[in-house]
N, C-alpha and C. Protein backbone atom coordinates (compact mmCIF):
# COMPACT_ATOMS: atom_id res chain seq x y z
N MET A 1 4.89 28.34 -22.76
CA MET A 1 4.55 29.44 -23.70
C MET A 1 3.87 28.95 -24.95
N SER A 2 2.65 29.42 -25.22
CA SER A 2 1.97 28.95 -26.50
C SER A 2 2.55 29.56 -27.70
N TYR A 3 3.05 30.83 -27.61
CA TYR A 3 3.64 31.54 -28.73
C TYR A 3 4.59 32.54 -28.18
N ASP A 4 5.70 32.66 -28.89
CA ASP A 4 6.76 33.64 -28.41
C ASP A 4 7.55 34.16 -29.55
N SER A 5 7.35 35.46 -29.78
CA SER A 5 8.18 36.23 -30.73
C SER A 5 8.66 37.56 -30.18
N SER A 6 9.44 38.26 -30.99
CA SER A 6 9.88 39.54 -30.42
C SER A 6 8.81 40.60 -30.29
N HIS A 7 7.67 40.39 -30.98
CA HIS A 7 6.53 41.25 -30.95
C HIS A 7 5.41 40.90 -30.10
N LEU A 8 5.29 39.58 -29.84
CA LEU A 8 4.03 39.03 -29.10
C LEU A 8 4.39 37.76 -28.38
N LYS A 9 3.82 37.71 -27.17
CA LYS A 9 3.85 36.44 -26.38
C LYS A 9 2.39 36.02 -26.11
N ILE A 10 2.15 34.73 -26.18
CA ILE A 10 0.82 34.21 -25.79
C ILE A 10 0.95 32.98 -24.81
N LYS A 11 0.32 33.12 -23.68
CA LYS A 11 0.47 32.17 -22.61
C LYS A 11 -0.83 31.62 -22.12
N GLN A 12 -1.05 30.32 -22.06
CA GLN A 12 -2.29 29.79 -21.58
C GLN A 12 -2.40 29.97 -20.15
N LEU A 13 -3.57 30.39 -19.65
CA LEU A 13 -3.86 30.65 -18.22
C LEU A 13 -4.73 29.62 -17.67
N THR A 14 -5.89 29.29 -18.30
CA THR A 14 -6.83 28.31 -17.85
C THR A 14 -7.17 27.48 -19.12
N LYS A 15 -8.06 26.60 -18.92
CA LYS A 15 -8.47 25.70 -20.11
C LYS A 15 -8.86 26.58 -21.38
N SER A 16 -9.61 27.67 -21.17
CA SER A 16 -10.09 28.44 -22.35
C SER A 16 -9.51 29.83 -22.45
N THR A 17 -8.68 30.26 -21.48
CA THR A 17 -8.15 31.71 -21.56
C THR A 17 -6.68 31.75 -21.75
N TYR A 18 -6.26 32.82 -22.43
CA TYR A 18 -4.85 32.98 -22.79
C TYR A 18 -4.50 34.47 -22.57
N LEU A 19 -3.33 34.74 -22.13
CA LEU A 19 -2.76 36.03 -22.00
C LEU A 19 -1.97 36.38 -23.21
N HIS A 20 -2.25 37.52 -23.90
CA HIS A 20 -1.39 38.03 -24.89
C HIS A 20 -0.65 39.27 -24.56
N THR A 21 0.56 39.36 -24.74
CA THR A 21 1.44 40.46 -24.36
C THR A 21 2.22 41.05 -25.55
N SER A 22 2.08 42.26 -25.78
CA SER A 22 2.78 42.99 -26.87
C SER A 22 3.49 44.26 -26.17
N TYR A 23 4.26 44.94 -26.93
CA TYR A 23 5.24 45.91 -26.34
C TYR A 23 5.10 47.31 -26.91
N LEU A 24 4.85 48.27 -26.07
CA LEU A 24 4.60 49.63 -26.53
C LEU A 24 5.84 50.52 -26.17
N ALA A 25 6.38 51.21 -27.04
CA ALA A 25 7.49 52.18 -26.86
C ALA A 25 6.94 53.46 -26.34
N THR A 26 7.36 53.84 -25.16
CA THR A 26 6.84 55.14 -24.61
C THR A 26 7.98 56.03 -24.18
N LYS A 27 7.76 57.36 -24.19
CA LYS A 27 8.82 58.28 -23.72
C LYS A 27 8.99 58.28 -22.18
N SER A 28 7.86 58.07 -21.52
CA SER A 28 7.99 58.18 -20.02
C SER A 28 8.43 56.89 -19.34
N PHE A 29 7.90 55.80 -19.92
CA PHE A 29 8.09 54.50 -19.13
C PHE A 29 8.97 53.53 -19.98
N GLY A 30 9.53 53.92 -21.07
CA GLY A 30 10.36 53.00 -21.86
C GLY A 30 9.45 51.99 -22.69
N LYS A 31 10.07 50.80 -22.83
CA LYS A 31 9.29 49.78 -23.61
C LYS A 31 8.37 49.02 -22.53
N VAL A 32 7.06 49.16 -22.72
CA VAL A 32 6.14 48.70 -21.79
C VAL A 32 5.39 47.48 -22.27
N PRO A 33 5.39 46.32 -21.54
CA PRO A 33 4.62 45.21 -21.88
C PRO A 33 3.15 45.43 -21.62
N CYS A 34 2.24 45.20 -22.62
CA CYS A 34 0.86 45.50 -22.51
C CYS A 34 0.11 44.15 -22.67
N ASN A 35 -0.80 43.93 -21.74
CA ASN A 35 -1.59 42.62 -21.67
C ASN A 35 -2.95 42.78 -22.30
N GLY A 36 -3.33 41.68 -22.92
CA GLY A 36 -4.72 41.47 -23.41
C GLY A 36 -5.07 40.03 -23.12
N MET A 37 -6.31 39.65 -23.51
CA MET A 37 -6.74 38.31 -23.18
C MET A 37 -7.42 37.70 -24.41
N VAL A 38 -7.30 36.42 -24.53
CA VAL A 38 -8.01 35.70 -25.63
C VAL A 38 -8.89 34.57 -24.92
N VAL A 39 -10.16 34.50 -25.26
CA VAL A 39 -10.98 33.38 -24.76
C VAL A 39 -11.29 32.48 -25.96
N LEU A 40 -10.87 31.22 -25.80
CA LEU A 40 -11.14 30.25 -26.92
C LEU A 40 -11.99 29.17 -26.41
N ASN A 41 -13.15 28.90 -27.10
CA ASN A 41 -14.01 27.80 -26.58
C ASN A 41 -14.89 27.29 -27.78
N ASP A 42 -14.91 26.00 -27.91
CA ASP A 42 -15.78 25.38 -28.88
C ASP A 42 -15.60 25.99 -30.30
N GLY A 43 -14.31 26.15 -30.72
CA GLY A 43 -14.00 26.54 -32.04
C GLY A 43 -14.26 28.05 -32.26
N GLU A 44 -14.51 28.87 -31.18
CA GLU A 44 -14.70 30.27 -31.37
C GLU A 44 -13.79 31.04 -30.44
N ALA A 45 -13.48 32.27 -30.77
CA ALA A 45 -12.60 33.13 -30.00
C ALA A 45 -13.06 34.49 -29.89
N LEU A 46 -12.67 35.18 -28.77
CA LEU A 46 -12.94 36.62 -28.53
C LEU A 46 -11.69 37.15 -27.96
N VAL A 47 -11.21 38.34 -28.56
CA VAL A 47 -9.99 39.01 -28.11
C VAL A 47 -10.44 40.23 -27.25
N ILE A 48 -9.74 40.31 -26.14
CA ILE A 48 -9.98 41.45 -25.24
C ILE A 48 -8.81 42.35 -25.34
N ASP A 49 -8.82 43.53 -25.94
CA ASP A 49 -7.85 44.42 -26.29
C ASP A 49 -6.93 43.93 -27.36
N THR A 50 -6.65 44.75 -28.35
CA THR A 50 -5.79 44.35 -29.38
C THR A 50 -4.29 44.40 -28.89
N PRO A 51 -3.35 43.74 -29.57
CA PRO A 51 -1.95 44.09 -29.27
C PRO A 51 -1.80 45.65 -29.69
N VAL A 52 -0.62 46.11 -29.34
CA VAL A 52 -0.37 47.55 -29.45
C VAL A 52 -0.27 48.09 -30.83
N ASP A 53 0.06 47.13 -31.87
CA ASP A 53 0.32 47.57 -33.24
C ASP A 53 -0.17 46.49 -34.14
N SER A 54 0.02 46.86 -35.42
CA SER A 54 -0.45 45.95 -36.57
C SER A 54 0.39 44.67 -36.59
N ILE A 55 1.75 44.83 -36.42
CA ILE A 55 2.54 43.63 -36.53
C ILE A 55 2.20 42.52 -35.56
N ALA A 56 2.06 42.98 -34.31
CA ALA A 56 1.65 41.93 -33.32
C ALA A 56 0.27 41.45 -33.39
N SER A 57 -0.66 42.30 -33.91
CA SER A 57 -2.03 41.94 -34.14
C SER A 57 -2.18 40.85 -35.23
N VAL A 58 -1.35 40.98 -36.30
CA VAL A 58 -1.32 39.97 -37.39
C VAL A 58 -0.87 38.65 -36.83
N GLU A 59 0.13 38.72 -36.10
CA GLU A 59 0.71 37.46 -35.41
C GLU A 59 -0.39 36.81 -34.56
N LEU A 60 -1.11 37.61 -33.71
CA LEU A 60 -2.14 37.09 -32.85
C LEU A 60 -3.29 36.53 -33.69
N LEU A 61 -3.69 37.10 -34.76
CA LEU A 61 -4.84 36.54 -35.61
C LEU A 61 -4.33 35.24 -36.23
N GLN A 62 -3.10 35.26 -36.75
CA GLN A 62 -2.57 34.01 -37.42
C GLN A 62 -2.56 32.87 -36.42
N TRP A 63 -2.26 33.17 -35.10
CA TRP A 63 -2.20 32.12 -34.09
C TRP A 63 -3.59 31.54 -33.87
N ILE A 64 -4.61 32.51 -33.77
CA ILE A 64 -5.98 32.14 -33.42
C ILE A 64 -6.66 31.43 -34.65
N GLN A 65 -6.48 32.08 -35.78
CA GLN A 65 -7.21 31.50 -36.93
C GLN A 65 -6.37 30.37 -37.62
N GLY A 66 -5.10 30.42 -37.62
CA GLY A 66 -4.27 29.36 -38.30
C GLY A 66 -4.00 28.27 -37.32
N ASN A 67 -3.28 28.58 -36.23
CA ASN A 67 -2.79 27.56 -35.22
C ASN A 67 -4.03 26.88 -34.59
N ARG A 68 -4.94 27.71 -34.09
CA ARG A 68 -6.05 27.20 -33.29
C ARG A 68 -7.35 26.98 -34.05
N LYS A 69 -7.33 27.37 -35.37
CA LYS A 69 -8.42 27.05 -36.23
C LYS A 69 -9.81 27.58 -35.70
N ALA A 70 -9.78 28.71 -34.98
CA ALA A 70 -10.89 29.32 -34.37
C ALA A 70 -11.50 30.45 -35.11
N LYS A 71 -12.83 30.49 -35.01
CA LYS A 71 -13.58 31.62 -35.71
C LYS A 71 -13.71 32.81 -34.61
N LEU A 72 -13.31 33.97 -35.11
CA LEU A 72 -13.17 35.17 -34.27
C LEU A 72 -14.54 35.75 -34.11
N LYS A 73 -15.09 35.80 -32.93
CA LYS A 73 -16.42 36.46 -32.71
C LYS A 73 -16.29 38.01 -32.66
N GLY A 74 -15.09 38.51 -32.32
CA GLY A 74 -14.92 39.92 -32.14
C GLY A 74 -13.74 40.32 -31.34
N VAL A 75 -13.58 41.57 -31.11
CA VAL A 75 -12.51 42.14 -30.31
C VAL A 75 -13.15 43.30 -29.50
N ILE A 76 -12.78 43.28 -28.12
CA ILE A 76 -13.23 44.30 -27.29
C ILE A 76 -12.05 45.26 -26.95
N ALA A 77 -12.43 46.62 -27.00
CA ALA A 77 -11.40 47.63 -26.56
C ALA A 77 -11.86 48.06 -25.17
N THR A 78 -11.05 47.93 -24.14
CA THR A 78 -11.48 48.16 -22.79
C THR A 78 -11.33 49.64 -22.38
N HIS A 79 -10.56 50.44 -23.21
CA HIS A 79 -10.54 51.89 -23.13
C HIS A 79 -9.95 52.44 -24.35
N PHE A 80 -9.79 53.76 -24.40
CA PHE A 80 -9.48 54.44 -25.72
C PHE A 80 -8.00 54.54 -25.93
N HIS A 81 -7.07 54.11 -25.13
CA HIS A 81 -5.65 54.24 -25.28
C HIS A 81 -5.15 53.23 -26.34
N VAL A 82 -3.97 53.56 -26.88
CA VAL A 82 -3.43 52.76 -28.07
C VAL A 82 -3.13 51.29 -27.61
N ASP A 83 -2.83 51.14 -26.32
CA ASP A 83 -2.54 49.76 -25.86
C ASP A 83 -3.74 48.84 -25.83
N CYS A 84 -4.93 49.47 -26.15
CA CYS A 84 -6.16 48.66 -26.22
C CYS A 84 -6.60 48.51 -27.64
N LEU A 85 -6.42 49.50 -28.44
CA LEU A 85 -7.01 49.50 -29.80
C LEU A 85 -6.04 49.80 -30.98
N GLY A 86 -4.73 49.70 -30.70
CA GLY A 86 -3.64 50.03 -31.70
C GLY A 86 -3.67 49.16 -32.86
N GLY A 87 -4.19 47.96 -32.67
CA GLY A 87 -4.25 47.01 -33.86
C GLY A 87 -5.57 46.76 -34.47
N LEU A 88 -6.53 47.65 -34.16
CA LEU A 88 -7.88 47.48 -34.62
C LEU A 88 -8.03 47.39 -36.16
N ASP A 89 -7.19 48.14 -36.84
CA ASP A 89 -7.19 48.13 -38.32
C ASP A 89 -7.09 46.76 -38.86
N VAL A 90 -6.22 45.98 -38.30
CA VAL A 90 -5.97 44.62 -38.73
C VAL A 90 -7.28 43.72 -38.58
N PHE A 91 -7.93 43.95 -37.42
CA PHE A 91 -9.18 43.18 -37.24
C PHE A 91 -10.20 43.68 -38.21
N HIS A 92 -10.28 44.99 -38.43
CA HIS A 92 -11.39 45.49 -39.39
C HIS A 92 -11.14 44.98 -40.75
N GLN A 93 -9.88 44.97 -41.15
CA GLN A 93 -9.53 44.46 -42.48
C GLN A 93 -9.97 43.04 -42.69
N ARG A 94 -9.93 42.27 -41.67
CA ARG A 94 -10.36 40.89 -41.79
C ARG A 94 -11.87 40.72 -41.42
N GLU A 95 -12.62 41.79 -41.36
CA GLU A 95 -14.06 41.82 -41.07
C GLU A 95 -14.38 41.19 -39.74
N ILE A 96 -13.49 41.39 -38.73
CA ILE A 96 -13.78 40.93 -37.42
C ILE A 96 -14.40 42.14 -36.68
N PRO A 97 -15.61 41.97 -36.10
CA PRO A 97 -16.34 43.16 -35.49
C PRO A 97 -15.60 43.59 -34.16
N SER A 98 -15.60 44.90 -33.99
CA SER A 98 -15.00 45.45 -32.74
C SER A 98 -16.06 46.12 -31.92
N TYR A 99 -15.90 46.04 -30.59
CA TYR A 99 -16.86 46.51 -29.59
C TYR A 99 -16.19 47.40 -28.58
N ALA A 100 -16.89 48.41 -28.13
CA ALA A 100 -16.41 49.25 -27.05
C ALA A 100 -17.63 50.00 -26.51
N THR A 101 -17.41 50.67 -25.26
CA THR A 101 -18.50 51.52 -24.87
C THR A 101 -18.67 52.69 -25.72
N ASN A 102 -19.83 53.28 -25.79
CA ASN A 102 -20.00 54.50 -26.55
C ASN A 102 -19.11 55.59 -26.06
N GLN A 103 -18.80 55.62 -24.81
CA GLN A 103 -17.87 56.58 -24.33
C GLN A 103 -16.39 56.41 -24.83
N THR A 104 -16.04 55.11 -25.01
CA THR A 104 -14.66 54.88 -25.56
C THR A 104 -14.66 55.25 -27.02
N ILE A 105 -15.75 55.03 -27.71
CA ILE A 105 -15.85 55.42 -29.14
C ILE A 105 -15.72 56.95 -29.32
N ALA A 106 -16.39 57.70 -28.46
CA ALA A 106 -16.34 59.13 -28.53
C ALA A 106 -14.98 59.64 -28.21
N LEU A 107 -14.30 59.02 -27.21
CA LEU A 107 -12.94 59.45 -26.87
C LEU A 107 -11.99 59.13 -27.94
N ALA A 108 -12.11 57.96 -28.56
CA ALA A 108 -11.18 57.52 -29.62
C ALA A 108 -11.34 58.50 -30.80
N LYS A 109 -12.60 58.95 -31.12
CA LYS A 109 -12.76 59.90 -32.17
C LYS A 109 -12.12 61.22 -31.81
N GLU A 110 -12.25 61.75 -30.57
CA GLU A 110 -11.59 62.92 -30.14
C GLU A 110 -10.10 63.01 -30.29
N ARG A 111 -9.50 61.81 -29.99
CA ARG A 111 -8.07 61.72 -29.95
C ARG A 111 -7.49 61.20 -31.26
N ASN A 112 -8.37 61.05 -32.27
CA ASN A 112 -7.88 60.54 -33.62
C ASN A 112 -7.29 59.15 -33.54
N GLU A 113 -7.81 58.30 -32.61
CA GLU A 113 -7.37 56.93 -32.55
C GLU A 113 -8.32 56.09 -33.50
N ILE A 114 -7.95 54.82 -33.68
CA ILE A 114 -8.74 53.95 -34.53
C ILE A 114 -10.11 53.76 -33.78
N ILE A 115 -11.19 53.79 -34.47
CA ILE A 115 -12.50 53.82 -33.83
C ILE A 115 -13.13 52.45 -33.80
N PRO A 116 -13.51 51.90 -32.64
CA PRO A 116 -14.30 50.65 -32.57
C PRO A 116 -15.62 50.79 -33.31
N GLN A 117 -16.11 49.77 -33.77
CA GLN A 117 -17.33 49.81 -34.70
C GLN A 117 -18.64 49.83 -33.95
N ASN A 118 -18.74 49.02 -32.89
CA ASN A 118 -20.10 48.78 -32.25
C ASN A 118 -20.06 49.20 -30.75
N GLY A 119 -20.97 50.08 -30.44
CA GLY A 119 -20.98 50.66 -29.09
C GLY A 119 -22.04 50.03 -28.19
N PHE A 120 -21.79 50.11 -26.90
CA PHE A 120 -22.80 49.78 -25.81
C PHE A 120 -22.60 50.72 -24.70
N ASP A 121 -23.52 50.75 -23.74
CA ASP A 121 -23.46 51.76 -22.72
C ASP A 121 -22.83 51.15 -21.49
N GLN A 122 -23.52 50.20 -20.77
CA GLN A 122 -23.03 49.69 -19.58
C GLN A 122 -22.40 48.32 -19.65
N GLN A 123 -23.18 47.34 -20.24
CA GLN A 123 -22.75 45.97 -20.25
C GLN A 123 -22.97 45.33 -21.64
N LEU A 124 -22.11 44.40 -21.98
CA LEU A 124 -22.22 43.66 -23.21
C LEU A 124 -21.83 42.20 -22.95
N GLU A 125 -22.63 41.23 -23.22
CA GLU A 125 -22.28 39.82 -23.07
C GLU A 125 -22.11 39.25 -24.47
N ILE A 126 -21.03 38.60 -24.68
CA ILE A 126 -20.71 37.96 -25.96
C ILE A 126 -20.53 36.46 -25.69
N ASN A 127 -21.18 35.59 -26.41
CA ASN A 127 -20.97 34.08 -26.24
C ASN A 127 -19.76 33.66 -27.10
N VAL A 128 -18.97 32.84 -26.47
CA VAL A 128 -17.80 32.21 -27.19
C VAL A 128 -18.14 30.78 -27.06
N GLY A 129 -18.54 30.17 -28.19
CA GLY A 129 -19.10 28.86 -28.08
C GLY A 129 -20.32 28.85 -27.19
N ASN A 130 -20.34 28.00 -26.18
CA ASN A 130 -21.54 27.94 -25.26
C ASN A 130 -21.30 28.69 -23.98
N LYS A 131 -20.19 29.46 -23.91
CA LYS A 131 -19.86 30.23 -22.69
C LYS A 131 -19.79 31.68 -22.95
N LYS A 132 -20.21 32.46 -21.87
CA LYS A 132 -20.31 33.91 -22.07
C LYS A 132 -19.13 34.67 -21.47
N VAL A 133 -18.76 35.80 -22.06
CA VAL A 133 -17.86 36.86 -21.57
C VAL A 133 -18.69 38.06 -21.32
N ILE A 134 -18.56 38.55 -20.07
CA ILE A 134 -19.21 39.74 -19.68
C ILE A 134 -18.27 41.02 -19.73
N ASN A 135 -18.65 42.02 -20.40
CA ASN A 135 -17.87 43.18 -20.56
C ASN A 135 -18.64 44.34 -19.94
N GLU A 136 -18.08 44.94 -18.92
CA GLU A 136 -18.93 45.93 -18.13
C GLU A 136 -18.15 47.16 -17.72
N PHE A 137 -18.80 48.25 -17.84
CA PHE A 137 -18.29 49.60 -17.21
C PHE A 137 -18.88 49.73 -15.81
N ILE A 138 -17.91 49.75 -14.84
CA ILE A 138 -18.29 49.81 -13.50
C ILE A 138 -18.01 51.16 -12.82
N GLY A 139 -17.03 51.86 -13.40
CA GLY A 139 -16.76 53.18 -12.87
C GLY A 139 -15.40 53.61 -13.50
N SER A 140 -14.99 54.88 -13.27
CA SER A 140 -13.79 55.47 -13.82
C SER A 140 -12.61 55.21 -13.00
N GLY A 141 -11.38 55.31 -13.45
CA GLY A 141 -10.17 55.07 -12.69
C GLY A 141 -8.98 55.46 -13.60
N HIS A 142 -8.37 54.52 -14.19
CA HIS A 142 -7.26 54.78 -15.17
C HIS A 142 -7.69 55.75 -16.25
N THR A 143 -8.96 55.60 -16.71
CA THR A 143 -9.65 56.52 -17.62
C THR A 143 -11.06 56.62 -17.22
N ILE A 144 -11.78 57.55 -17.71
CA ILE A 144 -13.20 57.59 -17.38
C ILE A 144 -14.11 56.62 -18.14
N ASP A 145 -13.45 55.81 -19.06
CA ASP A 145 -14.20 54.85 -19.86
C ASP A 145 -13.77 53.47 -19.73
N ASN A 146 -12.83 53.13 -18.74
CA ASN A 146 -12.27 51.77 -18.61
C ASN A 146 -13.32 50.79 -18.19
N ILE A 147 -13.32 49.67 -18.86
CA ILE A 147 -14.19 48.53 -18.54
C ILE A 147 -13.47 47.30 -18.10
N ILE A 148 -14.07 46.31 -17.49
CA ILE A 148 -13.48 45.03 -17.26
C ILE A 148 -14.13 44.00 -18.07
N SER A 149 -13.53 42.89 -18.29
CA SER A 149 -14.05 41.71 -18.94
C SER A 149 -14.03 40.46 -18.12
N TYR A 150 -15.11 39.79 -17.91
CA TYR A 150 -15.06 38.63 -16.99
C TYR A 150 -15.60 37.32 -17.68
N PHE A 151 -14.80 36.23 -17.50
CA PHE A 151 -15.24 34.95 -18.00
C PHE A 151 -15.65 34.06 -16.85
N PRO A 152 -16.90 34.02 -16.57
CA PRO A 152 -17.38 33.40 -15.27
C PRO A 152 -17.15 31.88 -15.18
N SER A 153 -17.11 31.25 -16.32
CA SER A 153 -17.05 29.74 -16.18
C SER A 153 -15.71 29.27 -15.73
N GLU A 154 -14.64 30.13 -15.93
CA GLU A 154 -13.32 29.80 -15.38
C GLU A 154 -12.77 30.87 -14.35
N LYS A 155 -13.70 31.77 -14.01
CA LYS A 155 -13.38 32.85 -13.01
C LYS A 155 -12.11 33.62 -13.35
N VAL A 156 -12.14 34.08 -14.57
CA VAL A 156 -10.95 34.89 -15.11
C VAL A 156 -11.45 36.26 -15.29
N LEU A 157 -10.80 37.31 -14.64
CA LEU A 157 -11.12 38.71 -14.77
C LEU A 157 -10.05 39.40 -15.47
N PHE A 158 -10.37 40.04 -16.54
CA PHE A 158 -9.46 41.04 -17.25
C PHE A 158 -9.73 42.34 -16.69
N GLY A 159 -8.87 42.86 -15.91
CA GLY A 159 -9.09 44.14 -15.29
C GLY A 159 -8.43 45.30 -16.10
N GLY A 160 -7.63 44.92 -17.05
CA GLY A 160 -6.98 46.02 -17.87
C GLY A 160 -6.29 47.06 -17.00
N CYS A 161 -6.14 48.26 -17.49
CA CYS A 161 -5.39 49.21 -16.83
C CYS A 161 -6.07 49.77 -15.54
N LEU A 162 -7.31 49.33 -15.40
CA LEU A 162 -7.90 49.73 -14.03
C LEU A 162 -7.17 49.08 -12.92
N ILE A 163 -6.67 47.84 -13.18
CA ILE A 163 -6.01 47.03 -12.07
C ILE A 163 -4.53 47.02 -12.27
N LYS A 164 -3.88 47.25 -11.12
CA LYS A 164 -2.36 47.27 -11.11
C LYS A 164 -1.85 45.94 -10.67
N THR A 165 -0.66 45.56 -11.22
CA THR A 165 0.00 44.39 -10.81
C THR A 165 0.73 44.65 -9.47
N ASP A 166 1.01 43.63 -8.73
CA ASP A 166 1.58 43.74 -7.42
C ASP A 166 2.90 44.48 -7.44
N GLY A 167 3.01 45.56 -6.59
CA GLY A 167 4.19 46.38 -6.54
C GLY A 167 4.29 47.51 -7.52
N ALA A 168 3.30 47.61 -8.44
CA ALA A 168 3.37 48.62 -9.44
C ALA A 168 3.11 50.02 -8.88
N GLY A 169 3.57 51.12 -9.53
CA GLY A 169 3.32 52.44 -9.21
C GLY A 169 1.92 52.88 -9.85
N LYS A 170 1.64 54.13 -9.74
CA LYS A 170 0.27 54.59 -10.23
C LYS A 170 0.29 54.67 -11.73
N GLY A 171 1.51 54.79 -12.43
CA GLY A 171 1.55 54.78 -13.83
C GLY A 171 1.09 56.07 -14.49
N ASN A 172 0.56 55.93 -15.73
CA ASN A 172 0.10 57.06 -16.56
C ASN A 172 -1.25 57.64 -15.99
N LEU A 173 -1.20 58.82 -15.46
CA LEU A 173 -2.35 59.36 -14.87
C LEU A 173 -2.98 60.50 -15.76
N ASN A 174 -2.51 60.66 -16.95
CA ASN A 174 -2.87 61.72 -17.79
C ASN A 174 -4.41 61.84 -18.02
N ASP A 175 -4.99 60.74 -18.07
CA ASP A 175 -6.50 60.70 -18.35
C ASP A 175 -7.26 60.04 -17.13
N ALA A 176 -6.65 59.96 -15.96
CA ALA A 176 -7.17 59.33 -14.85
C ALA A 176 -8.25 60.06 -14.11
N ASP A 177 -9.02 59.32 -13.42
CA ASP A 177 -9.91 59.85 -12.36
C ASP A 177 -9.46 59.25 -11.10
N VAL A 178 -8.41 59.85 -10.49
CA VAL A 178 -7.71 59.29 -9.39
C VAL A 178 -8.70 59.24 -8.11
N ALA A 179 -9.49 60.24 -7.96
CA ALA A 179 -10.51 60.32 -6.86
C ALA A 179 -11.48 59.13 -6.86
N ALA A 180 -11.85 58.59 -8.06
CA ALA A 180 -12.80 57.55 -8.12
C ALA A 180 -12.15 56.18 -8.22
N TRP A 181 -10.97 56.08 -8.43
CA TRP A 181 -10.30 54.86 -8.77
C TRP A 181 -10.54 53.79 -7.72
N SER A 182 -10.20 54.06 -6.47
CA SER A 182 -10.29 53.06 -5.39
C SER A 182 -11.74 52.64 -5.29
N SER A 183 -12.66 53.58 -5.33
CA SER A 183 -14.02 53.23 -5.13
C SER A 183 -14.52 52.26 -6.33
N THR A 184 -14.05 52.54 -7.52
CA THR A 184 -14.43 51.69 -8.68
C THR A 184 -13.95 50.27 -8.41
N VAL A 185 -12.76 50.10 -8.02
CA VAL A 185 -12.18 48.77 -7.81
C VAL A 185 -12.89 48.07 -6.68
N LYS A 186 -13.27 48.77 -5.66
CA LYS A 186 -14.02 48.21 -4.56
C LYS A 186 -15.39 47.63 -5.14
N GLN A 187 -15.97 48.35 -6.14
CA GLN A 187 -17.24 47.83 -6.72
C GLN A 187 -16.87 46.59 -7.58
N VAL A 188 -15.82 46.60 -8.26
CA VAL A 188 -15.28 45.41 -9.05
C VAL A 188 -15.22 44.21 -8.07
N LYS A 189 -14.54 44.40 -6.97
CA LYS A 189 -14.39 43.31 -6.01
C LYS A 189 -15.76 42.82 -5.48
N ALA A 190 -16.63 43.76 -5.20
CA ALA A 190 -17.92 43.38 -4.64
C ALA A 190 -18.71 42.50 -5.65
N LYS A 191 -18.56 42.82 -6.92
CA LYS A 191 -19.30 42.07 -7.90
C LYS A 191 -18.61 40.84 -8.47
N TYR A 192 -17.31 40.91 -8.61
CA TYR A 192 -16.46 39.86 -9.17
C TYR A 192 -15.36 39.34 -8.33
N GLY A 193 -15.63 39.39 -7.02
CA GLY A 193 -14.53 38.97 -6.08
C GLY A 193 -14.25 37.57 -6.06
N GLU A 194 -15.11 36.72 -6.70
CA GLU A 194 -14.87 35.29 -6.75
C GLU A 194 -13.79 34.93 -7.91
N ALA A 195 -13.36 35.99 -8.56
CA ALA A 195 -12.37 35.68 -9.61
C ALA A 195 -11.05 35.03 -9.07
N GLN A 196 -10.62 34.11 -9.74
CA GLN A 196 -9.36 33.37 -9.28
C GLN A 196 -8.13 33.77 -9.99
N VAL A 197 -8.31 34.26 -11.27
CA VAL A 197 -7.24 34.71 -12.09
C VAL A 197 -7.59 36.11 -12.50
N ILE A 198 -6.64 37.14 -12.15
CA ILE A 198 -6.88 38.47 -12.52
C ILE A 198 -5.75 39.06 -13.30
N ILE A 199 -6.10 39.61 -14.55
CA ILE A 199 -5.16 40.13 -15.45
C ILE A 199 -5.06 41.61 -15.38
N PRO A 200 -3.99 42.23 -15.03
CA PRO A 200 -3.82 43.67 -15.03
C PRO A 200 -3.45 44.14 -16.41
N GLY A 201 -3.51 45.45 -16.70
CA GLY A 201 -3.15 45.97 -18.06
C GLY A 201 -1.72 45.84 -18.35
N HIS A 202 -0.82 45.82 -17.30
CA HIS A 202 0.57 45.66 -17.46
C HIS A 202 1.09 44.86 -16.34
N GLY A 203 2.11 43.98 -16.55
CA GLY A 203 2.79 43.19 -15.59
C GLY A 203 2.14 41.90 -15.37
N LYS A 204 2.55 41.25 -14.15
CA LYS A 204 2.23 39.93 -13.86
C LYS A 204 0.78 39.72 -13.46
N ILE A 205 0.14 38.65 -13.87
CA ILE A 205 -1.17 38.34 -13.43
C ILE A 205 -1.22 37.93 -11.97
N GLY A 206 -2.38 37.91 -11.37
CA GLY A 206 -2.43 37.57 -9.99
C GLY A 206 -3.87 36.99 -9.58
N ASP A 207 -4.21 37.22 -8.39
CA ASP A 207 -5.55 36.80 -7.95
C ASP A 207 -6.23 38.04 -7.30
N VAL A 208 -7.22 37.84 -6.43
CA VAL A 208 -7.95 38.90 -5.87
C VAL A 208 -7.16 39.98 -5.16
N GLN A 209 -5.96 39.61 -4.74
CA GLN A 209 -4.99 40.46 -4.01
C GLN A 209 -4.66 41.67 -4.85
N LEU A 210 -4.73 41.56 -6.14
CA LEU A 210 -4.35 42.63 -7.12
C LEU A 210 -5.54 43.75 -6.90
N LEU A 211 -6.73 43.28 -6.69
CA LEU A 211 -7.83 44.30 -6.47
C LEU A 211 -7.48 45.05 -5.21
N ASP A 212 -7.11 44.30 -4.11
CA ASP A 212 -6.80 44.98 -2.84
C ASP A 212 -5.59 45.90 -3.00
N TYR A 213 -4.62 45.40 -3.71
CA TYR A 213 -3.53 46.30 -3.92
C TYR A 213 -3.78 47.56 -4.61
N THR A 214 -4.68 47.52 -5.63
CA THR A 214 -5.05 48.66 -6.37
C THR A 214 -5.90 49.63 -5.49
N ILE A 215 -6.85 49.06 -4.74
CA ILE A 215 -7.67 49.77 -3.82
C ILE A 215 -6.83 50.60 -2.87
N ASN A 216 -5.83 49.96 -2.23
CA ASN A 216 -4.93 50.56 -1.29
C ASN A 216 -4.00 51.75 -1.93
N LEU A 217 -3.59 51.43 -3.20
CA LEU A 217 -2.71 52.32 -3.89
C LEU A 217 -3.37 53.75 -4.10
N PHE A 218 -4.68 53.69 -4.34
CA PHE A 218 -5.34 55.00 -4.70
C PHE A 218 -6.27 55.48 -3.58
N GLU A 219 -6.27 54.85 -2.39
CA GLU A 219 -7.02 55.27 -1.30
C GLU A 219 -6.46 56.59 -0.70
């Protein structure tokens, strides 16, 4: 474990990627561990999804900027729920730019969530050092705005809440497009099926089998 507190855990997955996990108190599902990703390369960092709150977000930034001495290129919110953007204020206070699809920004405004600063429509590539991270909307599922983030050089896919961990149930469907979910993940598999490490929004990481599991769950 690279970092472990009561609010936040950080675990190295590959040479340049890390899993960050924070904890969301919910009425329906109790205390839910929520996953995000950090890409660290050549003295630069990119965060995919903030921790769920300000406390855990401060700890994450202290680890990246203090422990790892990395410059933060930005933070990506993969959809409009609090487990993706609940800590955005901390990033904004430190003048770290935030990115999300224009659809996510519109939904965050509607729901009075913290609003990401910079919008894109379909795909956004951000360089972390000399390597790129691809952030892409492929289709709806968990929400109508959910995106994935892919780090091709190490074949790591952050599926977020679009992808389920092995054995998981369907989870929170309040904003879901259940009819499209399986088809969207099939498209993710067709495009990024070479991924060797896949991070779901909640629960244990896995490999391409998590895509198959999610496809079958919603078919």
